[in-house]
Amino acid sequence: MTASDKSFGHDPDLPTMATPYVPPPPVGPRSHMRSLGFSDPFRWLARGLKDMRQHPGIALFYGLSFWGMAQVLAWVFKHKPEYTLTWVSGCLLLGPFLAMGLYEVSRKLERGERPELASSILCWHPHLRSMSMLVLVLMVLELLWGRASLVAFAVFFNTGMPSTTGVIEAVFNPQNIEFLVVYLSVGGIFAASVYGLSVVSIPMILDRDTDAITAVLTSLRVVFSSPAVMLLWGLLLTVMVLSALWPWALGIVVVGPWLGHASWHAYRGSVEWEECAEEAVTLGS
């Protein structure tokens, strides 16, 4: 080290200037949120109905599966209410895998391929890791929802825990108005959370083979980019499902697969993919 270096406190073994950090370029396709209008949810429903009509046999299989789940849940609630939450958790575990089969049918129709029932049933297998992580997140939310509901019952319910035969009358008793407001508020928060996390995440996993975290974040981006339209879509889903539950949940045989197909088109209508340059060159060659 020379005298001049020492005088200025400079060490020649160290670089004179730190190299600024430059982040690497994004790898793979990037997603962009499409601009949505209030007519889009009805367009998704129309396209879902068209897909269902093209392969009614496949739709009937999934519709009967959804109906069977609803019947078992109703039986458990009536005869073994203490196991209701357990069966709801099971439905939350099985439901996304059934819906994924409907997404696969719509995906193949969109690509001009002929869907088959067997391939739609097994379409989740290549995406098992991402699906398992997403289902785990949904189950945790559902369990927290159940715990919060029990707390609401314990703190705000004023007429004693209702029996399964008089639950409607007990809940809407004027003495339980405070409970009803709290219960619906808590349920609304958790329902909105589940909806926001899953509205496009499952079809995205099927379409892009992405990880669960990326799919969930994209789903939330869709909701926050068009909150009014996605609120309308959520209300349509809720009204149609509730309407299909009477009588004896027979309507779910049609509404279940219909909404499954429509949810695929909701994803395709909400998310646009920008292919990376390398992939575009590969596709063009």
C-alpha atoms as a PDB file:
ATOM      1  CA  MET A   1       0.000   0.000   0.000  1.00  0.00           C
ATOM      2  CA  THR A   2       1.471   3.369  -1.014  1.00  0.00           C
ATOM      3  CA  ALA A   3       1.577   6.457   1.087  1.00  0.00           C
ATOM      4  CA  SER A   4      -1.103   8.114  -1.009  1.00  0.00           C
ATOM      5  CA  ASP A   5      -3.395   5.105  -0.545  1.00  0.00           C
ATOM      6  CA  LYS A   6      -2.831   5.235   3.195  1.00  0.00           C
ATOM      7  CA  SER A   7      -3.451   8.955   3.320  1.00  0.00           C
ATOM      8  CA  PHE A   8      -6.821   8.571   1.705  1.00  0.00           C
ATOM      9  CA  GLY A   9      -7.660   5.355   3.579  1.00  0.00           C
ATOM     10  CA  HIS A  10      -7.919   3.355   0.330  1.00  0.00           C
ATOM     11  CA  ASP A  11      -7.187  -0.362   0.270  1.00  0.00           C
ATOM     12  CA  PRO A  12      -6.112  -1.507  -3.220  1.00  0.00           C
ATOM     13  CA  ASP A  13      -7.306  -5.035  -2.454  1.00  0.00           C
ATOM     14  CA  LEU A  14     -10.929  -3.779  -2.346  1.00  0.00           C
ATOM     15  CA  PRO A  15     -12.968  -2.605  -5.350  1.00  0.00           C
ATOM     16  CA  THR A  16     -13.209   1.149  -5.746  1.00  0.00           C
ATOM     17  CA  MET A  17     -16.997   1.025  -6.174  1.00  0.00           C
ATOM     18  CA  ALA A  18     -19.604  -1.564  -5.196  1.00  0.00           C
ATOM     19  CA  THR A  19     -21.344  -3.113  -8.199  1.00  0.00           C
ATOM     20  CA  PRO A  20     -25.044  -2.214  -8.101  1.00  0.00           C
ATOM     21  CA  TYR A  21     -27.453  -5.124  -7.897  1.00  0.00           C
ATOM     22  CA  VAL A  22     -29.360  -5.737 -11.104  1.00  0.00           C
ATOM     23  CA  PRO A  23     -32.324  -8.131 -10.708  1.00  0.00           C
ATOM     24  CA  PRO A  24     -32.476 -10.943 -13.246  1.00  0.00           C
ATOM     25  CA  PRO A  25     -35.055 -10.689 -16.017  1.00  0.00           C
ATOM     26  CA  PRO A  26     -38.355 -12.498 -15.397  1.00  0.00           C
ATOM     27  CA  VAL A  27     -38.351 -16.121 -16.445  1.00  0.00           C
ATOM     28  CA  GLY A  28     -41.352 -17.612 -18.184  1.00  0.00           C
ATOM     29  CA  PRO A  29     -44.703 -16.047 -19.066  1.00  0.00           C
ATOM     30  CA  ARG A  30     -46.127 -13.220 -16.998  1.00  0.00           C
ATOM     31  CA  SER A  31     -49.784 -12.777 -16.163  1.00  0.00           C
ATOM     32  CA  HIS A  32     -51.813  -9.630 -16.754  1.00  0.00           C
ATOM     33  CA  MET A  33     -55.261  -8.917 -15.449  1.00  0.00           C
ATOM     34  CA  ARG A  34     -57.841  -8.281 -18.162  1.00  0.00           C
ATOM     35  CA  SER A  35     -60.243  -5.370 -17.922  1.00  0.00           C
ATOM     36  CA  LEU A  36     -63.634  -6.813 -16.964  1.00  0.00           C
ATOM     37  CA  GLY A  37     -67.173  -5.513 -17.391  1.00  0.00           C
ATOM     38  CA  PHE A  38     -70.443  -6.463 -15.732  1.00  0.00           C
ATOM     39  CA  SER A  39     -71.480  -8.490 -18.787  1.00  0.00           C
ATOM     40  CA  ASP A  40     -68.494 -10.824 -18.480  1.00  0.00           C
ATOM     41  CA  PRO A  41     -69.889 -13.096 -15.709  1.00  0.00           C
ATOM     42  CA  PHE A  42     -72.982 -13.763 -17.826  1.00  0.00           C
ATOM     43  CA  ARG A  43     -70.741 -14.499 -20.800  1.00  0.00           C
ATOM     44  CA  TRP A  44     -68.832 -17.039 -18.674  1.00  0.00           C
ATOM     45  CA  LEU A  45     -72.110 -18.700 -17.728  1.00  0.00           C
ATOM     46  CA  ALA A  46     -73.176 -18.891 -21.388  1.00  0.00           C
ATOM     47  CA  ARG A  47     -69.884 -20.491 -22.402  1.00  0.00           C
ATOM     48  CA  GLY A  48     -70.050 -22.905 -19.484  1.00  0.00           C
ATOM     49  CA  LEU A  49     -73.535 -23.978 -20.525  1.00  0.00           C
ATOM     50  CA  LYS A  50     -72.294 -24.532 -24.073  1.00  0.00           C
ATOM     51  CA  ASP A  51     -69.453 -26.764 -22.826  1.00  0.00           C
ATOM     52  CA  MET A  52     -71.842 -28.763 -20.667  1.00  0.00           C
ATOM     53  CA  ARG A  53     -74.208 -29.369 -23.579  1.00  0.00           C
ATOM     54  CA  GLN A  54     -71.403 -30.653 -25.790  1.00  0.00           C
ATOM     55  CA  HIS A  55     -70.652 -33.529 -23.395  1.00  0.00           C
ATOM     56  CA  PRO A  56     -73.747 -34.126 -21.239  1.00  0.00           C
ATOM     57  CA  GLY A  57     -72.567 -37.569 -20.146  1.00  0.00           C
ATOM     58  CA  ILE A  58     -69.436 -36.195 -18.500  1.00  0.00           C
ATOM     59  CA  ALA A  59     -71.454 -33.377 -16.957  1.00  0.00           C
ATOM     60  CA  LEU A  60     -73.960 -35.893 -15.562  1.00  0.00           C
ATOM     61  CA  PHE A  61     -71.178 -37.879 -13.878  1.00  0.00           C
ATOM     62  CA  TYR A  62     -69.849 -34.811 -12.075  1.00  0.00           C
ATOM     63  CA  GLY A  63     -73.344 -33.546 -11.322  1.00  0.00           C
ATOM     64  CA  LEU A  64     -74.278 -36.825  -9.642  1.00  0.00           C
ATOM     65  CA  SER A  65     -71.003 -36.713  -7.708  1.00  0.00           C
ATOM     66  CA  PHE A  66     -71.834 -33.247  -6.362  1.00  0.00           C
ATOM     67  CA  TRP A  67     -75.381 -34.397  -5.577  1.00  0.00           C
ATOM     68  CA  GLY A  68     -74.060 -37.415  -3.672  1.00  0.00           C
ATOM     69  CA  MET A  69     -71.824 -35.171  -1.570  1.00  0.00           C
ATOM     70  CA  ALA A  70     -74.783 -32.914  -0.779  1.00  0.00           C
ATOM     71  CA  GLN A  71     -76.946 -35.889   0.242  1.00  0.00           C
ATOM     72  CA  VAL A  72     -74.323 -37.303   2.570  1.00  0.00           C
ATOM     73  CA  LEU A  73     -73.788 -33.855   4.125  1.00  0.00           C
ATOM     74  CA  ALA A  74     -77.547 -33.462   4.683  1.00  0.00           C
ATOM     75  CA  TRP A  75     -77.757 -36.935   6.286  1.00  0.00           C
ATOM     76  CA  VAL A  76     -74.819 -36.221   8.586  1.00  0.00           C
ATOM     77  CA  PHE A  77     -76.307 -32.872   9.636  1.00  0.00           C
ATOM     78  CA  LYS A  78     -79.632 -34.523  10.443  1.00  0.00           C
ATOM     79  CA  HIS A  79     -78.453 -37.673  12.223  1.00  0.00           C
ATOM     80  CA  LYS A  80     -74.870 -36.970  13.357  1.00  0.00           C
ATOM     81  CA  PRO A  81     -74.550 -33.186  13.619  1.00  0.00           C
ATOM     82  CA  GLU A  82     -71.340 -33.466  15.624  1.00  0.00           C
ATOM     83  CA  TYR A  83     -69.616 -34.804  12.484  1.00  0.00           C
ATOM     84  CA  THR A  84     -70.929 -32.086  10.152  1.00  0.00           C
ATOM     85  CA  LEU A  85     -67.750 -30.008  10.270  1.00  0.00           C
ATOM     86  CA  THR A  86     -65.677 -33.119   9.578  1.00  0.00           C
ATOM     87  CA  TRP A  87     -67.693 -33.951   6.472  1.00  0.00           C
ATOM     88  CA  VAL A  88     -67.586 -30.338   5.295  1.00  0.00           C
ATOM     89  CA  SER A  89     -63.795 -30.586   5.506  1.00  0.00           C
ATOM     90  CA  GLY A  90     -63.959 -33.747   3.415  1.00  0.00           C
ATOM     91  CA  CYS A  91     -66.098 -31.980   0.805  1.00  0.00           C
ATOM     92  CA  LEU A  92     -63.610 -29.134   0.765  1.00  0.00           C
ATOM     93  CA  LEU A  93     -60.891 -31.684   0.071  1.00  0.00           C
ATOM     94  CA  LEU A  94     -62.773 -33.605  -2.635  1.00  0.00           C
ATOM     95  CA  GLY A  95     -64.638 -30.733  -4.293  1.00  0.00           C
ATOM     96  CA  PRO A  96     -61.639 -28.985  -5.931  1.00  0.00           C
ATOM     97  CA  PHE A  97     -60.468 -32.244  -7.482  1.00  0.00           C
ATOM     98  CA  LEU A  98     -63.928 -32.840  -8.980  1.00  0.00           C
ATOM     99  CA  ALA A  99     -64.092 -29.267 -10.257  1.00  0.00           C
ATOM    100  CA  MET A 100     -60.657 -29.680 -11.815  1.00  0.00           C
ATOM    101  CA  GLY A 101     -62.056 -32.451 -14.002  1.00  0.00           C
ATOM    102  CA  LEU A 102     -64.633 -30.032 -15.389  1.00  0.00           C
ATOM    103  CA  TYR A 103     -61.910 -27.462 -16.037  1.00  0.00           C
ATOM    104  CA  GLU A 104     -60.007 -30.109 -17.976  1.00  0.00           C
ATOM    105  CA  VAL A 105     -63.037 -30.763 -20.180  1.00  0.00           C
ATOM    106  CA  SER A 106     -63.418 -27.063 -20.985  1.00  0.00           C
ATOM    107  CA  ARG A 107     -59.670 -26.719 -21.530  1.00  0.00           C
ATOM    108  CA  LYS A 108     -59.661 -29.484 -24.114  1.00  0.00           C
ATOM    109  CA  LEU A 109     -62.725 -28.107 -25.854  1.00  0.00           C
ATOM    110  CA  GLU A 110     -61.033 -24.736 -26.084  1.00  0.00           C
ATOM    111  CA  ARG A 111     -57.969 -26.359 -27.664  1.00  0.00           C
ATOM    112  CA  GLY A 112     -60.080 -28.263 -30.178  1.00  0.00           C
ATOM    113  CA  GLU A 113     -59.443 -31.642 -28.532  1.00  0.00           C
ATOM    114  CA  ARG A 114     -61.984 -34.272 -27.566  1.00  0.00           C
ATOM    115  CA  PRO A 115     -62.333 -34.629 -23.783  1.00  0.00           C
ATOM    116  CA  GLU A 116     -62.732 -38.011 -22.122  1.00  0.00           C
ATOM    117  CA  LEU A 117     -64.164 -38.836 -18.720  1.00  0.00           C
ATOM    118  CA  ALA A 118     -61.170 -40.942 -17.647  1.00  0.00           C
ATOM    119  CA  SER A 119     -58.616 -38.240 -18.459  1.00  0.00           C
ATOM    120  CA  SER A 120     -60.708 -35.591 -16.710  1.00  0.00           C
ATOM    121  CA  ILE A 121     -60.902 -37.683 -13.528  1.00  0.00           C
ATOM    122  CA  LEU A 122     -57.112 -38.108 -13.420  1.00  0.00           C
ATOM    123  CA  CYS A 123     -56.100 -34.646 -14.641  1.00  0.00           C
ATOM    124  CA  TRP A 124     -55.120 -33.575 -11.112  1.00  0.00           C
ATOM    125  CA  HIS A 125     -52.372 -36.188 -10.818  1.00  0.00           C
ATOM    126  CA  PRO A 126     -49.573 -34.167 -12.516  1.00  0.00           C
ATOM    127  CA  HIS A 127     -50.442 -31.208 -10.282  1.00  0.00           C
ATOM    128  CA  LEU A 128     -50.829 -33.089  -7.010  1.00  0.00           C
ATOM    129  CA  ARG A 129     -48.218 -31.095  -5.069  1.00  0.00           C
ATOM    130  CA  SER A 130     -49.678 -27.679  -5.898  1.00  0.00           C
ATOM    131  CA  MET A 131     -53.241 -28.886  -5.417  1.00  0.00           C
ATOM    132  CA  SER A 132     -52.417 -30.434  -2.053  1.00  0.00           C
ATOM    133  CA  MET A 133     -50.888 -27.185  -0.819  1.00  0.00           C
ATOM    134  CA  LEU A 134     -53.893 -25.167  -1.984  1.00  0.00           C
ATOM    135  CA  VAL A 135     -56.389 -27.577  -0.447  1.00  0.00           C
ATOM    136  CA  LEU A 136     -54.424 -27.469   2.812  1.00  0.00           C
ATOM    137  CA  VAL A 137     -54.743 -23.676   2.897  1.00  0.00           C
ATOM    138  CA  LEU A 138     -58.483 -23.902   2.226  1.00  0.00           C
ATOM    139  CA  MET A 139     -58.940 -26.516   4.943  1.00  0.00           C
ATOM    140  CA  VAL A 140     -57.099 -24.369   7.493  1.00  0.00           C
ATOM    141  CA  LEU A 141     -59.382 -21.457   6.632  1.00  0.00           C
ATOM    142  CA  GLU A 142     -62.433 -23.714   6.925  1.00  0.00           C
ATOM    143  CA  LEU A 143     -61.329 -24.971  10.341  1.00  0.00           C
ATOM    144  CA  LEU A 144     -60.739 -21.407  11.539  1.00  0.00           C
ATOM    145  CA  TRP A 145     -64.172 -20.534  10.168  1.00  0.00           C
ATOM    146  CA  GLY A 146     -65.714 -23.369  12.169  1.00  0.00           C
ATOM    147  CA  ARG A 147     -63.901 -22.300  15.345  1.00  0.00           C
ATOM    148  CA  ALA A 148     -65.029 -18.687  14.905  1.00  0.00           C
ATOM    149  CA  SER A 149     -68.612 -19.875  14.377  1.00  0.00           C
ATOM    150  CA  LEU A 150     -68.518 -21.836  17.636  1.00  0.00           C
ATOM    151  CA  VAL A 151     -67.259 -18.757  19.473  1.00  0.00           C
ATOM    152  CA  ALA A 152     -70.098 -16.708  17.973  1.00  0.00           C
ATOM    153  CA  PHE A 153     -72.609 -19.327  19.183  1.00  0.00           C
ATOM    154  CA  ALA A 154     -71.110 -19.429  22.659  1.00  0.00           C
ATOM    155  CA  VAL A 155     -70.964 -15.675  23.158  1.00  0.00           C
ATOM    156  CA  PHE A 156     -74.001 -14.282  21.321  1.00  0.00           C
ATOM    157  CA  PHE A 157     -76.633 -17.064  21.137  1.00  0.00           C
ATOM    158  CA  ASN A 158     -79.264 -16.261  23.773  1.00  0.00           C
ATOM    159  CA  THR A 159     -81.797 -19.100  23.534  1.00  0.00           C
ATOM    160  CA  GLY A 160     -79.616 -22.178  24.041  1.00  0.00           C
ATOM    161  CA  MET A 161     -77.995 -24.344  21.392  1.00  0.00           C
ATOM    162  CA  PRO A 162     -80.664 -25.318  18.834  1.00  0.00           C
ATOM    163  CA  SER A 163     -81.561 -28.848  17.879  1.00  0.00           C
ATOM    164  CA  THR A 164     -81.372 -29.955  14.273  1.00  0.00           C
ATOM    165  CA  THR A 165     -85.176 -29.849  13.992  1.00  0.00           C
ATOM    166  CA  GLY A 166     -85.567 -26.251  15.160  1.00  0.00           C
ATOM    167  CA  VAL A 167     -82.344 -24.624  14.031  1.00  0.00           C
ATOM    168  CA  ILE A 168     -84.007 -22.191  11.581  1.00  0.00           C
ATOM    169  CA  GLU A 169     -86.584 -21.016  14.135  1.00  0.00           C
ATOM    170  CA  ALA A 170     -83.927 -20.622  16.824  1.00  0.00           C
ATOM    171  CA  VAL A 171     -81.481 -18.716  14.660  1.00  0.00           C
ATOM    172  CA  PHE A 172     -84.121 -16.225  13.462  1.00  0.00           C
ATOM    173  CA  ASN A 173     -85.557 -15.736  16.963  1.00  0.00           C
ATOM    174  CA  PRO A 174     -85.717 -11.975  17.715  1.00  0.00           C
ATOM    175  CA  GLN A 175     -83.594 -12.588  20.804  1.00  0.00           C
ATOM    176  CA  ASN A 176     -80.740 -13.749  18.571  1.00  0.00           C
ATOM    177  CA  ILE A 177     -80.526 -10.760  16.208  1.00  0.00           C
ATOM    178  CA  GLU A 178     -77.125  -9.795  17.616  1.00  0.00           C
ATOM    179  CA  PHE A 179     -75.891 -13.354  17.090  1.00  0.00           C
ATOM    180  CA  LEU A 180     -77.203 -13.402  13.516  1.00  0.00           C
ATOM    181  CA  VAL A 181     -75.364 -10.175  12.643  1.00  0.00           C
ATOM    182  CA  VAL A 182     -72.087 -11.405  14.158  1.00  0.00           C
ATOM    183  CA  TYR A 183     -72.410 -14.888  12.667  1.00  0.00           C
ATOM    184  CA  LEU A 184     -73.110 -13.578   9.159  1.00  0.00           C
ATOM    185  CA  SER A 185     -70.290 -11.035   9.444  1.00  0.00           C
ATOM    186  CA  VAL A 186     -67.762 -13.671  10.491  1.00  0.00           C
ATOM    187  CA  GLY A 187     -69.005 -16.073   7.834  1.00  0.00           C
ATOM    188  CA  GLY A 188     -68.851 -13.350   5.207  1.00  0.00           C
ATOM    189  CA  ILE A 189     -65.220 -12.561   6.022  1.00  0.00           C
ATOM    190  CA  PHE A 190     -64.130 -16.184   5.766  1.00  0.00           C
ATOM    191  CA  ALA A 191     -66.275 -16.860   2.690  1.00  0.00           C
ATOM    192  CA  ALA A 192     -64.764 -13.825   0.948  1.00  0.00           C
ATOM    193  CA  SER A 193     -61.276 -15.049   1.872  1.00  0.00           C
ATOM    194  CA  VAL A 194     -61.886 -18.524   0.456  1.00  0.00           C
ATOM    195  CA  TYR A 195     -63.452 -17.049  -2.660  1.00  0.00           C
ATOM    196  CA  GLY A 196     -60.604 -14.612  -3.223  1.00  0.00           C
ATOM    197  CA  LEU A 197     -57.942 -17.294  -2.817  1.00  0.00           C
ATOM    198  CA  SER A 198     -59.584 -19.861  -5.086  1.00  0.00           C
ATOM    199  CA  VAL A 199     -61.619 -18.020  -7.737  1.00  0.00           C
ATOM    200  CA  VAL A 200     -59.026 -18.640 -10.482  1.00  0.00           C
ATOM    201  CA  SER A 201     -56.218 -20.471  -8.656  1.00  0.00           C
ATOM    202  CA  ILE A 202     -57.302 -24.059  -9.393  1.00  0.00           C
ATOM    203  CA  PRO A 203     -57.858 -23.610 -13.154  1.00  0.00           C
ATOM    204  CA  MET A 204     -54.561 -21.711 -13.257  1.00  0.00           C
ATOM    205  CA  ILE A 205     -52.738 -24.669 -11.688  1.00  0.00           C
ATOM    206  CA  LEU A 206     -54.256 -26.934 -14.327  1.00  0.00           C
ATOM    207  CA  ASP A 207     -53.483 -24.545 -17.182  1.00  0.00           C
ATOM    208  CA  ARG A 208     -49.965 -23.380 -16.295  1.00  0.00           C
ATOM    209  CA  ASP A 209     -48.779 -26.061 -13.832  1.00  0.00           C
ATOM    210  CA  THR A 210     -47.821 -23.270 -11.451  1.00  0.00           C
ATOM    211  CA  ASP A 211     -47.230 -23.480  -7.710  1.00  0.00           C
ATOM    212  CA  ALA A 212     -50.024 -22.851  -5.225  1.00  0.00           C
ATOM    213  CA  ILE A 213     -48.603 -19.548  -3.906  1.00  0.00           C
ATOM    214  CA  THR A 214     -48.365 -17.997  -7.370  1.00  0.00           C
ATOM    215  CA  ALA A 215     -51.876 -19.213  -8.199  1.00  0.00           C
ATOM    216  CA  VAL A 216     -53.317 -17.754  -4.990  1.00  0.00           C
ATOM    217  CA  LEU A 217     -51.573 -14.401  -5.502  1.00  0.00           C
ATOM    218  CA  THR A 218     -52.868 -14.239  -9.079  1.00  0.00           C
ATOM    219  CA  SER A 219     -56.371 -15.029  -7.841  1.00  0.00           C
ATOM    220  CA  LEU A 220     -56.177 -12.160  -5.359  1.00  0.00           C
ATOM    221  CA  ARG A 221     -54.884  -9.847  -8.095  1.00  0.00           C
ATOM    222  CA  VAL A 222     -57.929 -10.700 -10.199  1.00  0.00           C
ATOM    223  CA  VAL A 223     -60.284  -9.867  -7.331  1.00  0.00           C
ATOM    224  CA  PHE A 224     -58.600  -6.577  -6.449  1.00  0.00           C
ATOM    225  CA  SER A 225     -58.240  -5.463 -10.076  1.00  0.00           C
ATOM    226  CA  SER A 226     -62.004  -5.816 -10.746  1.00  0.00           C
ATOM    227  CA  PRO A 227     -63.689  -5.987  -7.322  1.00  0.00           C
ATOM    228  CA  ALA A 228     -67.191  -5.045  -8.468  1.00  0.00           C
ATOM    229  CA  VAL A 229     -67.283  -7.574 -11.304  1.00  0.00           C
ATOM    230  CA  MET A 230     -65.830 -10.349  -9.148  1.00  0.00           C
ATOM    231  CA  LEU A 231     -68.349  -9.515  -6.415  1.00  0.00           C
ATOM    232  CA  LEU A 232     -71.108  -9.953  -9.001  1.00  0.00           C
ATOM    233  CA  TRP A 233     -69.574 -13.268 -10.060  1.00  0.00           C
ATOM    234  CA  GLY A 234     -69.451 -14.453  -6.451  1.00  0.00           C
ATOM    235  CA  LEU A 235     -73.082 -13.457  -5.908  1.00  0.00           C
ATOM    236  CA  LEU A 236     -74.152 -15.327  -9.042  1.00  0.00           C
ATOM    237  CA  LEU A 237     -72.329 -18.453  -7.855  1.00  0.00           C
ATOM    238  CA  THR A 238     -73.910 -18.205  -4.401  1.00  0.00           C
ATOM    239  CA  VAL A 239     -77.458 -17.625  -5.648  1.00  0.00           C
ATOM    240  CA  MET A 240     -77.267 -20.448  -8.181  1.00  0.00           C
ATOM    241  CA  VAL A 241     -75.873 -22.948  -5.685  1.00  0.00           C
ATOM    242  CA  LEU A 242     -78.419 -22.055  -2.996  1.00  0.00           C
ATOM    243  CA  SER A 243     -81.247 -22.245  -5.513  1.00  0.00           C
ATOM    244  CA  ALA A 244     -80.043 -25.680  -6.615  1.00  0.00           C
ATOM    245  CA  LEU A 245     -80.305 -27.076  -3.087  1.00  0.00           C
ATOM    246  CA  TRP A 246     -84.116 -27.173  -3.123  1.00  0.00           C
ATOM    247  CA  PRO A 247     -85.754 -29.596  -3.358  1.00  0.00           C
ATOM    248  CA  TRP A 248     -83.465 -32.434  -2.259  1.00  0.00           C
ATOM    249  CA  ALA A 249     -80.507 -30.703  -3.929  1.00  0.00           C
ATOM    250  CA  LEU A 250     -81.580 -32.053  -7.322  1.00  0.00           C
ATOM    251  CA  GLY A 251     -80.631 -28.830  -9.055  1.00  0.00           C
ATOM    252  CA  ILE A 252     -76.987 -29.356  -8.164  1.00  0.00           C
ATOM    253  CA  VAL A 253     -76.860 -32.142 -10.767  1.00  0.00           C
ATOM    254  CA  VAL A 254     -77.103 -29.428 -13.437  1.00  0.00           C
ATOM    255  CA  VAL A 255     -75.799 -26.336 -11.639  1.00  0.00           C
ATOM    256  CA  GLY A 256     -72.653 -28.038 -10.314  1.00  0.00           C
ATOM    257  CA  PRO A 257     -71.078 -28.940 -13.676  1.00  0.00           C
ATOM    258  CA  TRP A 258     -72.452 -25.764 -15.258  1.00  0.00           C
ATOM    259  CA  LEU A 259     -70.617 -23.581 -12.760  1.00  0.00           C
ATOM    260  CA  GLY A 260     -67.529 -25.776 -13.062  1.00  0.00           C
ATOM    261  CA  HIS A 261     -67.292 -25.130 -16.799  1.00  0.00           C
ATOM    262  CA  ALA A 262     -68.127 -21.455 -16.313  1.00  0.00           C
ATOM    263  CA  SER A 263     -65.350 -21.089 -13.718  1.00  0.00           C
ATOM    264  CA  TRP A 264     -62.809 -22.185 -16.327  1.00  0.00           C
ATOM    265  CA  HIS A 265     -64.016 -19.400 -18.616  1.00  0.00           C
ATOM    266  CA  ALA A 266     -63.899 -16.968 -15.671  1.00  0.00           C
ATOM    267  CA  TYR A 267     -60.198 -17.752 -15.338  1.00  0.00           C
ATOM    268  CA  ARG A 268     -59.551 -17.499 -19.073  1.00  0.00           C
ATOM    269  CA  GLY A 269     -61.498 -14.239 -19.247  1.00  0.00           C
ATOM    270  CA  SER A 270     -59.701 -12.696 -16.268  1.00  0.00           C
ATOM    271  CA  VAL A 271     -56.041 -13.614 -16.796  1.00  0.00           C
ATOM    272  CA  GLU A 272     -53.983 -12.973 -19.901  1.00  0.00           C
ATOM    273  CA  TRP A 273     -50.533 -14.494 -20.328  1.00  0.00           C
ATOM    274  CA  GLU A 274     -47.573 -12.695 -21.848  1.00  0.00           C
ATOM    275  CA  GLU A 275     -45.219 -15.324 -23.250  1.00  0.00           C
ATOM    276  CA  CYS A 276     -41.502 -14.746 -22.737  1.00  0.00           C
ATOM    277  CA  ALA A 277     -39.392 -14.041 -25.810  1.00  0.00           C
ATOM    278  CA  GLU A 278     -37.652 -17.404 -25.732  1.00  0.00           C
ATOM    279  CA  GLU A 279     -40.968 -19.286 -25.604  1.00  0.00           C
ATOM    280  CA  ALA A 280     -42.391 -17.152 -28.408  1.00  0.00           C
ATOM    281  CA  VAL A 281     -39.413 -18.004 -30.614  1.00  0.00           C
ATOM    282  CA  THR A 282     -39.834 -21.692 -29.802  1.00  0.00           C
ATOM    283  CA  LEU A 283     -43.526 -21.625 -30.649  1.00  0.00           C
ATOM    284  CA  GLY A 284     -42.875 -19.729 -33.858  1.00  0.00           C
ATOM    285  CA  SER A 285     -40.213 -22.099 -35.145  1.00  0.00           C
END
